């Protein structure tokens, strides 16, 4: 976060205040989601500055983090089910082979 802020500040005339930030395992995805959620509140088309109530920014962070966590849980659930099905498939193949 500090590195991105320093780079951002060196390329802009006015320094911006970071009002909220969150740590996540894949920050690029988190940033992309938040920027899409806040797109209609952009102050300028090019810069990532927004003109809105601070609660909207907090809400965008909450929605983005909750969505990513839900997707992570769903992925783990699907992986578990696939592993379970593969185990059943292996046992069935073994049983069929023993019947021959």
Protein backbone atom coordinates (compact mmCIF):
# COMPACT_ATOMS: atom_id res chain seq x y z
CA UNK A 1 0.00 0.00 0.00
CA UNK A 2 2.79 2.43 0.91
CA UNK A 3 4.63 1.82 -2.36
CA UNK A 4 1.51 2.37 -4.47
CA UNK A 5 0.70 5.56 -2.54
CA UNK A 6 4.23 6.95 -2.99
CA UNK A 7 4.17 6.26 -6.72
CA UNK A 8 0.68 7.75 -7.01
CA UNK A 9 1.70 10.91 -5.15
CA UNK A 10 4.79 11.47 -7.32
CA UNK A 11 2.68 11.38 -10.48
CA UNK A 12 -0.03 13.79 -9.33
CA UNK A 13 -0.04 17.45 -8.54
CA UNK A 14 -2.12 17.11 -5.36
CA UNK A 15 -1.50 14.52 -2.70
CA UNK A 16 -4.58 12.46 -1.86
CA UNK A 17 -5.63 11.10 1.49
CA UNK A 18 -6.16 7.37 1.81
CA UNK A 19 -9.40 7.11 3.76
CA UNK A 20 -9.53 3.32 4.02
CA UNK A 21 -7.51 0.28 3.02
CA UNK A 22 -7.71 -3.47 3.46
CA UNK A 23 -5.18 -6.29 3.28
CA UNK A 24 -6.04 -9.20 1.02
CA UNK A 25 -4.14 -12.13 -0.44
CA UNK A 26 -4.67 -10.81 -3.98
CA UNK A 27 -4.79 -7.01 -3.71
CA UNK A 28 -5.02 -6.43 -7.47
CA UNK A 29 -8.38 -8.23 -7.65
CA UNK A 30 -9.64 -6.38 -4.58
CA UNK A 31 -8.57 -3.05 -6.06
CA UNK A 32 -10.25 -3.84 -9.39
CA UNK A 33 -13.56 -4.71 -7.73
CA UNK A 34 -13.53 -1.59 -5.56
CA UNK A 35 -12.70 0.65 -8.52
CA UNK A 36 -15.58 -0.86 -10.50
CA UNK A 37 -17.98 -0.38 -7.58
CA UNK A 38 -16.92 3.27 -7.20
CA UNK A 39 -16.73 4.05 -10.91
CA UNK A 40 -19.83 6.26 -10.96
CA UNK A 41 -18.32 8.42 -8.19
CA UNK A 42 -15.03 9.18 -9.99
CA UNK A 43 -14.00 12.81 -9.71
CA UNK A 44 -11.85 12.62 -12.85
CA UNK A 45 -11.95 9.94 -15.51
CA UNK A 46 -8.22 9.21 -15.30
CA UNK A 47 -7.41 9.43 -11.58
CA UNK A 48 -8.67 7.15 -8.85
CA UNK A 49 -10.24 9.98 -6.88
CA UNK A 50 -13.87 9.86 -5.89
CA UNK A 51 -16.47 12.42 -4.90
CA UNK A 52 -18.89 10.67 -2.58
CA UNK A 53 -19.75 10.09 1.04
CA UNK A 54 -17.06 8.18 2.91
CA UNK A 55 -19.63 5.54 3.92
CA UNK A 56 -20.01 4.60 0.24
CA UNK A 57 -16.28 3.87 0.11
CA UNK A 58 -16.46 1.77 3.28
CA UNK A 59 -19.45 -0.10 1.84
CA UNK A 60 -17.55 -0.77 -1.42
CA UNK A 61 -14.67 -2.28 0.59
CA UNK A 62 -17.06 -4.43 2.62
CA UNK A 63 -18.89 -5.68 -0.48
CA UNK A 64 -15.62 -6.44 -2.30
CA UNK A 65 -14.03 -8.32 0.61
CA UNK A 66 -17.25 -10.24 1.37
CA UNK A 67 -17.63 -11.21 -2.29
CA UNK A 68 -14.04 -12.43 -2.56
CA UNK A 69 -14.35 -14.41 0.68
CA UNK A 70 -17.59 -16.00 -0.55
CA UNK A 71 -15.96 -16.94 -3.84
CA UNK A 72 -13.03 -18.46 -1.94
CA UNK A 73 -15.41 -20.52 0.22
CA UNK A 74 -17.34 -21.66 -2.86
CA UNK A 75 -14.11 -22.67 -4.58
CA UNK A 76 -13.03 -24.70 -1.55
CA UNK A 77 -16.45 -26.34 -1.38
CA UNK A 78 -16.33 -27.27 -5.07
CA UNK A 79 -12.78 -28.62 -4.72
CA UNK A 80 -13.88 -30.73 -1.74
CA UNK A 81 -16.83 -32.13 -3.71
CA UNK A 82 -14.61 -32.93 -6.70
CA UNK A 83 -12.10 -34.72 -4.47
CA UNK A 84 -14.93 -36.66 -2.83
CA UNK A 85 -16.33 -37.70 -6.23
CA UNK A 86 -12.86 -38.76 -7.40
CA UNK A 87 -12.49 -40.91 -4.31
CA UNK A 88 -15.86 -42.56 -4.92
CA UNK A 89 -14.96 -43.07 -8.59
CA UNK A 90 -11.66 -44.71 -7.62
CA UNK A 91 -13.38 -47.04 -5.14
CA UNK A 92 -16.02 -48.01 -7.72
CA UNK A 93 -13.37 -48.76 -10.35
CA UNK A 94 -11.49 -50.87 -7.82
CA UNK A 95 -14.67 -52.74 -6.90
CA UNK A 96 -15.58 -53.36 -10.57
CA UNK A 97 -12.08 -54.61 -11.27
CA UNK A 98 -12.28 -57.06 -8.36
CA UNK A 99 -15.62 -58.42 -9.67
CA UNK A 100 -14.14 -59.36 -13.05
